[in-house]
């Protein structure tokens, strides 16, 4: 009996390996945004950046870290549309410039630096303000634009292709967003599937950023849940050059940023 077990076990391992290879190498998948009704999620985003500004012939460096926490609940789902209720729950910011460190924490307002009061007052207006939004099965926004500020849903809901995907498949997406000091920005991104398993569809992506005031590029990786179509993790690098106007001056600015995103089910 022992000899029989020893002979079967290696065969079982080989068959298991072949089954896994077959799924990852040959089987395709069609992604759709279809989260389960009633599920609750939390998006945690951390963005760190280094900004270099040239002001009247002098170079000034500014480091910045912004962390946000946003939740959403899946209110309704059908074959063509998902309706979510979402709100920004917390914002934390730290800025270092000229030897100074300025801080803001919505959950600990006593720590807010007085110099940030006017800016963070705008944050306070949008915190814990529920908004209802809808997306179609391809992850495209449906209806009128929401008033929700600091919205992080675009980090976990992306445009999904209608065709079946295999490793090496590509698709593109173009979106428009507003950035303080740079106006309306268009971002063109190409996604490439790097791996497929029962738990995730992994992609790498790169793209261009363009507006009248800014140009740049973006690269990153993401992991998509094949059952829900939601991006579960994301790591992104962004480089941007732009010119902002302040107090009658045109100020060249270059920015290098890193963003990490994690989506968790409550």
C-alpha atoms as a PDB file:
ATOM      1  CA  UNK A   1       0.000   0.000   0.000  1.00  0.00           C
ATOM      2  CA  UNK A   2       2.799   2.379   0.847  1.00  0.00           C
ATOM      3  CA  UNK A   3       4.472   1.812  -2.535  1.00  0.00           C
ATOM      4  CA  UNK A   4       1.203   2.574  -4.350  1.00  0.00           C
ATOM      5  CA  UNK A   5       0.848   5.881  -2.515  1.00  0.00           C
ATOM      6  CA  UNK A   6       4.387   6.845  -3.385  1.00  0.00           C
ATOM      7  CA  UNK A   7       3.746   6.202  -7.061  1.00  0.00           C
ATOM      8  CA  UNK A   8       0.423   8.093  -7.238  1.00  0.00           C
ATOM      9  CA  UNK A   9       1.524  11.216  -5.347  1.00  0.00           C
ATOM     10  CA  UNK A  10       4.018  12.511  -7.975  1.00  0.00           C
ATOM     11  CA  UNK A  11       1.441  11.911 -10.711  1.00  0.00           C
ATOM     12  CA  UNK A  12      -1.139  13.915  -8.763  1.00  0.00           C
ATOM     13  CA  UNK A  13       1.322  16.788  -8.401  1.00  0.00           C
ATOM     14  CA  UNK A  14       2.059  16.743 -12.126  1.00  0.00           C
ATOM     15  CA  UNK A  15      -1.654  16.781 -12.987  1.00  0.00           C
ATOM     16  CA  UNK A  16      -2.216  19.645 -10.574  1.00  0.00           C
ATOM     17  CA  UNK A  17       0.634  21.575 -12.165  1.00  0.00           C
ATOM     18  CA  UNK A  18      -0.742  20.969 -15.644  1.00  0.00           C
ATOM     19  CA  UNK A  19      -4.202  22.118 -14.595  1.00  0.00           C
ATOM     20  CA  UNK A  20      -2.786  25.344 -13.181  1.00  0.00           C
ATOM     21  CA  UNK A  21      -0.656  25.907 -16.272  1.00  0.00           C
ATOM     22  CA  UNK A  22      -3.664  25.344 -18.508  1.00  0.00           C
ATOM     23  CA  UNK A  23      -5.738  27.930 -16.641  1.00  0.00           C
ATOM     24  CA  UNK A  24      -3.083  30.619 -16.547  1.00  0.00           C
ATOM     25  CA  UNK A  25      -1.691  30.102 -20.019  1.00  0.00           C
ATOM     26  CA  UNK A  26      -4.650  29.179 -22.203  1.00  0.00           C
ATOM     27  CA  UNK A  27      -7.969  30.067 -20.567  1.00  0.00           C
ATOM     28  CA  UNK A  28      -9.380  33.510 -21.238  1.00  0.00           C
ATOM     29  CA  UNK A  29     -11.616  35.660 -19.058  1.00  0.00           C
ATOM     30  CA  UNK A  30     -14.125  38.421 -19.674  1.00  0.00           C
ATOM     31  CA  UNK A  31     -14.149  41.069 -16.963  1.00  0.00           C
ATOM     32  CA  UNK A  32     -17.309  42.857 -15.859  1.00  0.00           C
ATOM     33  CA  UNK A  33     -18.011  45.261 -13.031  1.00  0.00           C
ATOM     34  CA  UNK A  34     -20.466  43.237 -10.984  1.00  0.00           C
ATOM     35  CA  UNK A  35     -19.892  43.488  -7.224  1.00  0.00           C
ATOM     36  CA  UNK A  36     -22.285  41.681  -4.903  1.00  0.00           C
ATOM     37  CA  UNK A  37     -25.260  43.647  -3.618  1.00  0.00           C
ATOM     38  CA  UNK A  38     -24.955  44.594   0.045  1.00  0.00           C
ATOM     39  CA  UNK A  39     -21.162  44.313   0.197  1.00  0.00           C
ATOM     40  CA  UNK A  40     -19.205  47.107   1.932  1.00  0.00           C
ATOM     41  CA  UNK A  41     -15.727  48.195   0.856  1.00  0.00           C
ATOM     42  CA  UNK A  42     -13.030  50.574   2.037  1.00  0.00           C
ATOM     43  CA  UNK A  43     -10.507  52.280  -0.274  1.00  0.00           C
ATOM     44  CA  UNK A  44      -7.210  53.357   1.296  1.00  0.00           C
ATOM     45  CA  UNK A  45      -5.043  55.597  -0.877  1.00  0.00           C
ATOM     46  CA  UNK A  46      -1.601  57.001  -0.067  1.00  0.00           C
ATOM     47  CA  UNK A  47       0.057  59.511  -2.379  1.00  0.00           C
ATOM     48  CA  UNK A  48       3.560  60.854  -1.777  1.00  0.00           C
ATOM     49  CA  UNK A  49       5.093  63.466  -4.043  1.00  0.00           C
ATOM     50  CA  UNK A  50       8.084  65.719  -4.409  1.00  0.00           C
ATOM     51  CA  UNK A  51       7.408  69.051  -6.092  1.00  0.00           C
ATOM     52  CA  UNK A  52      10.188  71.268  -7.431  1.00  0.00           C
ATOM     53  CA  UNK A  53       9.302  74.892  -8.181  1.00  0.00           C
ATOM     54  CA  UNK A  54      11.312  77.688  -9.761  1.00  0.00           C
ATOM     55  CA  UNK A  55      10.318  81.034  -8.278  1.00  0.00           C
ATOM     56  CA  UNK A  56      12.154  84.203  -9.378  1.00  0.00           C
ATOM     57  CA  UNK A  57      15.308  82.257 -10.249  1.00  0.00           C
ATOM     58  CA  UNK A  58      15.301  80.199  -7.060  1.00  0.00           C
ATOM     59  CA  UNK A  59      14.460  76.515  -6.682  1.00  0.00           C
ATOM     60  CA  UNK A  60      12.087  75.451  -3.942  1.00  0.00           C
ATOM     61  CA  UNK A  61      11.369  71.863  -2.949  1.00  0.00           C
ATOM     62  CA  UNK A  62       8.134  70.703  -1.374  1.00  0.00           C
ATOM     63  CA  UNK A  63       7.309  67.197  -0.184  1.00  0.00           C
ATOM     64  CA  UNK A  64       3.703  66.157   0.289  1.00  0.00           C
ATOM     65  CA  UNK A  65       1.854  63.106   1.566  1.00  0.00           C
ATOM     66  CA  UNK A  66      -1.913  62.719   1.312  1.00  0.00           C
ATOM     67  CA  UNK A  67      -3.813  59.736   2.697  1.00  0.00           C
ATOM     68  CA  UNK A  68      -7.536  59.220   2.151  1.00  0.00           C
ATOM     69  CA  UNK A  69     -10.042  56.638   3.300  1.00  0.00           C
ATOM     70  CA  UNK A  70     -13.267  56.240   1.360  1.00  0.00           C
ATOM     71  CA  UNK A  71     -16.042  53.692   1.801  1.00  0.00           C
ATOM     72  CA  UNK A  72     -18.754  52.477  -0.495  1.00  0.00           C
ATOM     73  CA  UNK A  73     -21.719  50.139  -0.259  1.00  0.00           C
ATOM     74  CA  UNK A  74     -23.142  48.224  -3.204  1.00  0.00           C
ATOM     75  CA  UNK A  75     -26.805  49.264  -3.160  1.00  0.00           C
ATOM     76  CA  UNK A  76     -28.032  47.579  -6.329  1.00  0.00           C
ATOM     77  CA  UNK A  77     -26.617  45.409  -9.121  1.00  0.00           C
ATOM     78  CA  UNK A  78     -28.054  44.100 -12.370  1.00  0.00           C
ATOM     79  CA  UNK A  79     -26.574  42.817 -15.615  1.00  0.00           C
ATOM     80  CA  UNK A  80     -25.923  46.299 -16.961  1.00  0.00           C
ATOM     81  CA  UNK A  81     -25.355  48.598 -13.969  1.00  0.00           C
ATOM     82  CA  UNK A  82     -24.044  48.838 -10.396  1.00  0.00           C
ATOM     83  CA  UNK A  83     -25.263  51.536  -7.995  1.00  0.00           C
ATOM     84  CA  UNK A  84     -23.018  52.530  -5.097  1.00  0.00           C
ATOM     85  CA  UNK A  85     -23.384  54.791  -2.081  1.00  0.00           C
ATOM     86  CA  UNK A  86     -20.019  56.277  -1.145  1.00  0.00           C
ATOM     87  CA  UNK A  87     -18.410  58.847   1.100  1.00  0.00           C
ATOM     88  CA  UNK A  88     -14.947  60.115   2.026  1.00  0.00           C
ATOM     89  CA  UNK A  89     -14.371  59.191   5.663  1.00  0.00           C
ATOM     90  CA  UNK A  90     -10.925  60.597   6.442  1.00  0.00           C
ATOM     91  CA  UNK A  91      -8.147  62.723   4.969  1.00  0.00           C
ATOM     92  CA  UNK A  92      -4.632  63.158   6.318  1.00  0.00           C
ATOM     93  CA  UNK A  93      -2.030  65.498   4.823  1.00  0.00           C
ATOM     94  CA  UNK A  94       1.579  66.406   5.578  1.00  0.00           C
ATOM     95  CA  UNK A  95       3.602  69.066   3.728  1.00  0.00           C
ATOM     96  CA  UNK A  96       7.288  69.832   4.150  1.00  0.00           C
ATOM     97  CA  UNK A  97       8.704  73.042   2.690  1.00  0.00           C
ATOM     98  CA  UNK A  98      11.378  75.533   3.672  1.00  0.00           C
ATOM     99  CA  UNK A  99      12.186  73.722   6.873  1.00  0.00           C
ATOM    100  CA  UNK A 100       8.551  73.777   7.962  1.00  0.00           C
ATOM    101  CA  UNK A 101       6.203  70.838   8.427  1.00  0.00           C
ATOM    102  CA  UNK A 102       2.485  71.439   8.022  1.00  0.00           C
ATOM    103  CA  UNK A 103      -0.060  68.800   9.015  1.00  0.00           C
ATOM    104  CA  UNK A 104      -3.767  68.059   8.756  1.00  0.00           C
ATOM    105  CA  UNK A 105      -5.725  65.102  10.102  1.00  0.00           C
ATOM    106  CA  UNK A 106      -9.513  65.109   9.775  1.00  0.00           C
ATOM    107  CA  UNK A 107      -9.793  62.608  12.626  1.00  0.00           C
ATOM    108  CA  UNK A 108      -7.577  64.747  14.883  1.00  0.00           C
ATOM    109  CA  UNK A 109      -8.414  68.382  13.965  1.00  0.00           C
ATOM    110  CA  UNK A 110      -6.439  69.659  16.941  1.00  0.00           C
ATOM    111  CA  UNK A 111      -3.271  68.753  15.013  1.00  0.00           C
ATOM    112  CA  UNK A 112      -4.090  70.951  12.011  1.00  0.00           C
ATOM    113  CA  UNK A 113      -1.434  73.578  11.247  1.00  0.00           C
ATOM    114  CA  UNK A 114      -2.990  77.089  11.242  1.00  0.00           C
ATOM    115  CA  UNK A 115      -1.402  77.862   7.856  1.00  0.00           C
ATOM    116  CA  UNK A 116      -3.488  75.078   6.283  1.00  0.00           C
ATOM    117  CA  UNK A 117      -6.788  76.209   7.768  1.00  0.00           C
ATOM    118  CA  UNK A 118      -8.200  77.803   4.606  1.00  0.00           C
ATOM    119  CA  UNK A 119      -7.305  74.805   2.443  1.00  0.00           C
ATOM    120  CA  UNK A 120      -8.481  72.141   4.848  1.00  0.00           C
ATOM    121  CA  UNK A 121     -11.768  73.945   5.398  1.00  0.00           C
ATOM    122  CA  UNK A 122     -12.674  72.724   1.915  1.00  0.00           C
ATOM    123  CA  UNK A 123     -11.874  69.155   2.968  1.00  0.00           C
ATOM    124  CA  UNK A 124     -14.176  69.464   5.961  1.00  0.00           C
ATOM    125  CA  UNK A 125     -17.067  70.329   3.647  1.00  0.00           C
ATOM    126  CA  UNK A 126     -16.901  67.007   1.806  1.00  0.00           C
ATOM    127  CA  UNK A 127     -16.105  64.584   4.602  1.00  0.00           C
ATOM    128  CA  UNK A 128     -18.824  62.089   5.511  1.00  0.00           C
ATOM    129  CA  UNK A 129     -21.195  63.431   2.844  1.00  0.00           C
ATOM    130  CA  UNK A 130     -22.824  60.385   1.183  1.00  0.00           C
ATOM    131  CA  UNK A 131     -23.265  60.390  -2.591  1.00  0.00           C
ATOM    132  CA  UNK A 132     -24.927  57.860  -4.883  1.00  0.00           C
ATOM    133  CA  UNK A 133     -23.143  56.955  -8.123  1.00  0.00           C
ATOM    134  CA  UNK A 134     -23.693  54.388 -10.858  1.00  0.00           C
ATOM    135  CA  UNK A 135     -21.409  52.546 -13.306  1.00  0.00           C
ATOM    136  CA  UNK A 136     -22.165  50.264 -16.228  1.00  0.00           C
ATOM    137  CA  UNK A 137     -20.803  46.730 -16.585  1.00  0.00           C
ATOM    138  CA  UNK A 138     -17.655  48.074 -18.321  1.00  0.00           C
ATOM    139  CA  UNK A 139     -16.842  50.351 -15.361  1.00  0.00           C
ATOM    140  CA  UNK A 140     -17.916  53.589 -17.082  1.00  0.00           C
ATOM    141  CA  UNK A 141     -19.617  56.298 -15.043  1.00  0.00           C
ATOM    142  CA  UNK A 142     -23.352  56.591 -15.675  1.00  0.00           C
ATOM    143  CA  UNK A 143     -25.385  59.774 -15.268  1.00  0.00           C
ATOM    144  CA  UNK A 144     -24.426  63.268 -14.206  1.00  0.00           C
ATOM    145  CA  UNK A 145     -21.087  63.985 -12.544  1.00  0.00           C
ATOM    146  CA  UNK A 146     -21.114  63.671  -8.777  1.00  0.00           C
ATOM    147  CA  UNK A 147     -20.251  66.565  -6.489  1.00  0.00           C
ATOM    148  CA  UNK A 148     -18.157  64.239  -4.333  1.00  0.00           C
ATOM    149  CA  UNK A 149     -14.677  65.744  -3.935  1.00  0.00           C
ATOM    150  CA  UNK A 150     -11.457  63.827  -3.269  1.00  0.00           C
ATOM    151  CA  UNK A 151     -13.200  60.906  -4.992  1.00  0.00           C
ATOM    152  CA  UNK A 152     -11.039  57.763  -5.085  1.00  0.00           C
ATOM    153  CA  UNK A 153     -13.465  55.448  -6.889  1.00  0.00           C
ATOM    154  CA  UNK A 154     -11.541  55.869 -10.156  1.00  0.00           C
ATOM    155  CA  UNK A 155      -8.633  54.044  -8.499  1.00  0.00           C
ATOM    156  CA  UNK A 156     -10.671  50.853  -8.069  1.00  0.00           C
ATOM    157  CA  UNK A 157     -13.225  51.127 -10.896  1.00  0.00           C
ATOM    158  CA  UNK A 158     -11.616  51.276 -14.328  1.00  0.00           C
ATOM    159  CA  UNK A 159     -12.901  50.899 -17.874  1.00  0.00           C
ATOM    160  CA  UNK A 160     -13.013  47.190 -18.698  1.00  0.00           C
ATOM    161  CA  UNK A 161     -12.888  45.768 -22.244  1.00  0.00           C
ATOM    162  CA  UNK A 162     -15.796  43.785 -23.675  1.00  0.00           C
ATOM    163  CA  UNK A 163     -13.592  41.153 -25.338  1.00  0.00           C
ATOM    164  CA  UNK A 164     -12.130  38.061 -23.710  1.00  0.00           C
ATOM    165  CA  UNK A 165      -8.701  38.559 -22.165  1.00  0.00           C
ATOM    166  CA  UNK A 166      -5.677  36.282 -22.127  1.00  0.00           C
ATOM    167  CA  UNK A 167      -2.120  36.935 -20.969  1.00  0.00           C
ATOM    168  CA  UNK A 168      -0.706  39.616 -23.265  1.00  0.00           C
ATOM    169  CA  UNK A 169      -4.098  41.171 -24.102  1.00  0.00           C
ATOM    170  CA  UNK A 170      -4.210  44.962 -24.195  1.00  0.00           C
ATOM    171  CA  UNK A 171      -6.874  47.641 -23.941  1.00  0.00           C
ATOM    172  CA  UNK A 172      -6.895  51.419 -23.650  1.00  0.00           C
ATOM    173  CA  UNK A 173      -8.769  53.977 -21.598  1.00  0.00           C
ATOM    174  CA  UNK A 174      -9.005  57.750 -21.755  1.00  0.00           C
ATOM    175  CA  UNK A 175     -10.338  59.801 -18.895  1.00  0.00           C
ATOM    176  CA  UNK A 176     -10.521  63.443 -17.918  1.00  0.00           C
ATOM    177  CA  UNK A 177      -9.872  64.784 -14.448  1.00  0.00           C
ATOM    178  CA  UNK A 178      -9.331  68.131 -12.789  1.00  0.00           C
ATOM    179  CA  UNK A 179      -6.109  68.980 -10.969  1.00  0.00           C
ATOM    180  CA  UNK A 180      -5.555  72.069  -8.869  1.00  0.00           C
ATOM    181  CA  UNK A 181      -3.327  74.502 -10.742  1.00  0.00           C
ATOM    182  CA  UNK A 182      -3.352  72.481 -13.959  1.00  0.00           C
ATOM    183  CA  UNK A 183      -7.014  72.649 -14.945  1.00  0.00           C
ATOM    184  CA  UNK A 184      -8.597  69.826 -16.915  1.00  0.00           C
ATOM    185  CA  UNK A 185      -6.199  66.968 -17.641  1.00  0.00           C
ATOM    186  CA  UNK A 186      -6.611  64.083 -20.097  1.00  0.00           C
ATOM    187  CA  UNK A 187      -5.020  60.778 -19.188  1.00  0.00           C
ATOM    188  CA  UNK A 188      -4.564  58.067 -21.861  1.00  0.00           C
ATOM    189  CA  UNK A 189      -3.638  54.664 -20.456  1.00  0.00           C
ATOM    190  CA  UNK A 190      -2.881  51.277 -22.047  1.00  0.00           C
ATOM    191  CA  UNK A 191      -3.356  48.162 -19.912  1.00  0.00           C
ATOM    192  CA  UNK A 192      -1.568  44.848 -20.557  1.00  0.00           C
ATOM    193  CA  UNK A 193      -2.585  41.564 -18.909  1.00  0.00           C
ATOM    194  CA  UNK A 194       0.453  39.992 -17.240  1.00  0.00           C
ATOM    195  CA  UNK A 195      -1.148  37.060 -15.382  1.00  0.00           C
ATOM    196  CA  UNK A 196      -4.514  35.381 -14.913  1.00  0.00           C
ATOM    197  CA  UNK A 197      -5.593  33.153 -12.033  1.00  0.00           C
ATOM    198  CA  UNK A 198      -8.835  32.272 -10.292  1.00  0.00           C
ATOM    199  CA  UNK A 199      -8.145  34.967  -7.690  1.00  0.00           C
ATOM    200  CA  UNK A 200      -6.848  37.863  -9.792  1.00  0.00           C
ATOM    201  CA  UNK A 201      -6.188  39.341 -13.200  1.00  0.00           C
ATOM    202  CA  UNK A 202      -2.878  41.196 -12.982  1.00  0.00           C
ATOM    203  CA  UNK A 203      -2.120  44.067 -15.336  1.00  0.00           C
ATOM    204  CA  UNK A 204       0.637  46.560 -15.984  1.00  0.00           C
ATOM    205  CA  UNK A 205      -0.140  49.933 -17.515  1.00  0.00           C
ATOM    206  CA  UNK A 206       1.455  53.081 -18.857  1.00  0.00           C
ATOM    207  CA  UNK A 207       0.134  56.293 -20.292  1.00  0.00           C
ATOM    208  CA  UNK A 208       0.418  59.976 -21.088  1.00  0.00           C
ATOM    209  CA  UNK A 209      -0.912  63.003 -19.234  1.00  0.00           C
ATOM    210  CA  UNK A 210      -1.805  66.122 -21.214  1.00  0.00           C
ATOM    211  CA  UNK A 211      -3.460  69.490 -20.710  1.00  0.00           C
ATOM    212  CA  UNK A 212      -2.822  73.083 -21.746  1.00  0.00           C
ATOM    213  CA  UNK A 213      -0.695  73.595 -18.641  1.00  0.00           C
ATOM    214  CA  UNK A 214       0.756  70.147 -17.949  1.00  0.00           C
ATOM    215  CA  UNK A 215       2.378  67.098 -19.545  1.00  0.00           C
ATOM    216  CA  UNK A 216       3.639  63.881 -18.026  1.00  0.00           C
ATOM    217  CA  UNK A 217       3.580  60.118 -17.929  1.00  0.00           C
ATOM    218  CA  UNK A 218       2.211  57.413 -15.704  1.00  0.00           C
ATOM    219  CA  UNK A 219       3.169  53.774 -15.074  1.00  0.00           C
ATOM    220  CA  UNK A 220       1.828  51.167 -12.709  1.00  0.00           C
ATOM    221  CA  UNK A 221       0.539  47.710 -11.858  1.00  0.00           C
ATOM    222  CA  UNK A 222      -2.850  46.582 -10.609  1.00  0.00           C
ATOM    223  CA  UNK A 223      -4.659  43.440  -9.517  1.00  0.00           C
ATOM    224  CA  UNK A 224      -8.317  43.014 -10.525  1.00  0.00           C
ATOM    225  CA  UNK A 225     -10.784  40.676  -8.821  1.00  0.00           C
ATOM    226  CA  UNK A 226     -12.169  38.517 -11.685  1.00  0.00           C
ATOM    227  CA  UNK A 227     -15.482  37.942  -9.861  1.00  0.00           C
ATOM    228  CA  UNK A 228     -16.308  41.621  -9.167  1.00  0.00           C
ATOM    229  CA  UNK A 229     -14.221  43.551 -11.711  1.00  0.00           C
ATOM    230  CA  UNK A 230     -12.919  45.770  -8.894  1.00  0.00           C
ATOM    231  CA  UNK A 231      -9.240  46.729  -8.624  1.00  0.00           C
ATOM    232  CA  UNK A 232      -8.031  45.284  -5.314  1.00  0.00           C
ATOM    233  CA  UNK A 233      -4.496  46.720  -5.284  1.00  0.00           C
ATOM    234  CA  UNK A 234      -2.647  49.309  -7.323  1.00  0.00           C
ATOM    235  CA  UNK A 235       0.873  50.770  -7.345  1.00  0.00           C
ATOM    236  CA  UNK A 236       1.533  53.785  -9.540  1.00  0.00           C
ATOM    237  CA  UNK A 237       4.277  56.255 -10.444  1.00  0.00           C
ATOM    238  CA  UNK A 238       3.581  59.627 -12.020  1.00  0.00           C
ATOM    239  CA  UNK A 239       5.826  62.362 -13.405  1.00  0.00           C
ATOM    240  CA  UNK A 240       4.359  65.729 -14.309  1.00  0.00           C
ATOM    241  CA  UNK A 241       5.639  69.064 -15.587  1.00  0.00           C
ATOM    242  CA  UNK A 242       3.395  72.115 -15.506  1.00  0.00           C
ATOM    243  CA  UNK A 243       3.267  75.873 -15.121  1.00  0.00           C
ATOM    244  CA  UNK A 244       1.011  77.460 -12.516  1.00  0.00           C
ATOM    245  CA  UNK A 245       0.053  81.101 -12.142  1.00  0.00           C
ATOM    246  CA  UNK A 246       0.243  82.660  -8.706  1.00  0.00           C
ATOM    247  CA  UNK A 247       0.271  86.340  -7.725  1.00  0.00           C
ATOM    248  CA  UNK A 248       0.983  87.345 -11.317  1.00  0.00           C
ATOM    249  CA  UNK A 249       3.909  84.950 -11.667  1.00  0.00           C
ATOM    250  CA  UNK A 250       4.234  81.934 -13.981  1.00  0.00           C
ATOM    251  CA  UNK A 251       5.905  79.209 -11.911  1.00  0.00           C
ATOM    252  CA  UNK A 252       7.372  76.056 -13.561  1.00  0.00           C
ATOM    253  CA  UNK A 253       6.706  72.969 -11.442  1.00  0.00           C
ATOM    254  CA  UNK A 254       7.884  69.378 -11.805  1.00  0.00           C
ATOM    255  CA  UNK A 255       6.313  66.627  -9.729  1.00  0.00           C
ATOM    256  CA  UNK A 256       7.269  63.012  -9.069  1.00  0.00           C
ATOM    257  CA  UNK A 257       4.604  61.032  -7.227  1.00  0.00           C
ATOM    258  CA  UNK A 258       3.970  57.505  -5.973  1.00  0.00           C
ATOM    259  CA  UNK A 259       0.499  56.185  -5.193  1.00  0.00           C
ATOM    260  CA  UNK A 260      -0.604  52.963  -3.510  1.00  0.00           C
ATOM    261  CA  UNK A 261      -4.212  51.800  -3.365  1.00  0.00           C
ATOM    262  CA  UNK A 262      -5.762  48.979  -1.353  1.00  0.00           C
ATOM    263  CA  UNK A 263      -9.412  47.900  -1.489  1.00  0.00           C
ATOM    264  CA  UNK A 264     -10.698  45.794   1.396  1.00  0.00           C
ATOM    265  CA  UNK A 265     -14.077  44.238   2.039  1.00  0.00           C
ATOM    266  CA  UNK A 266     -15.519  45.090   5.431  1.00  0.00           C
END
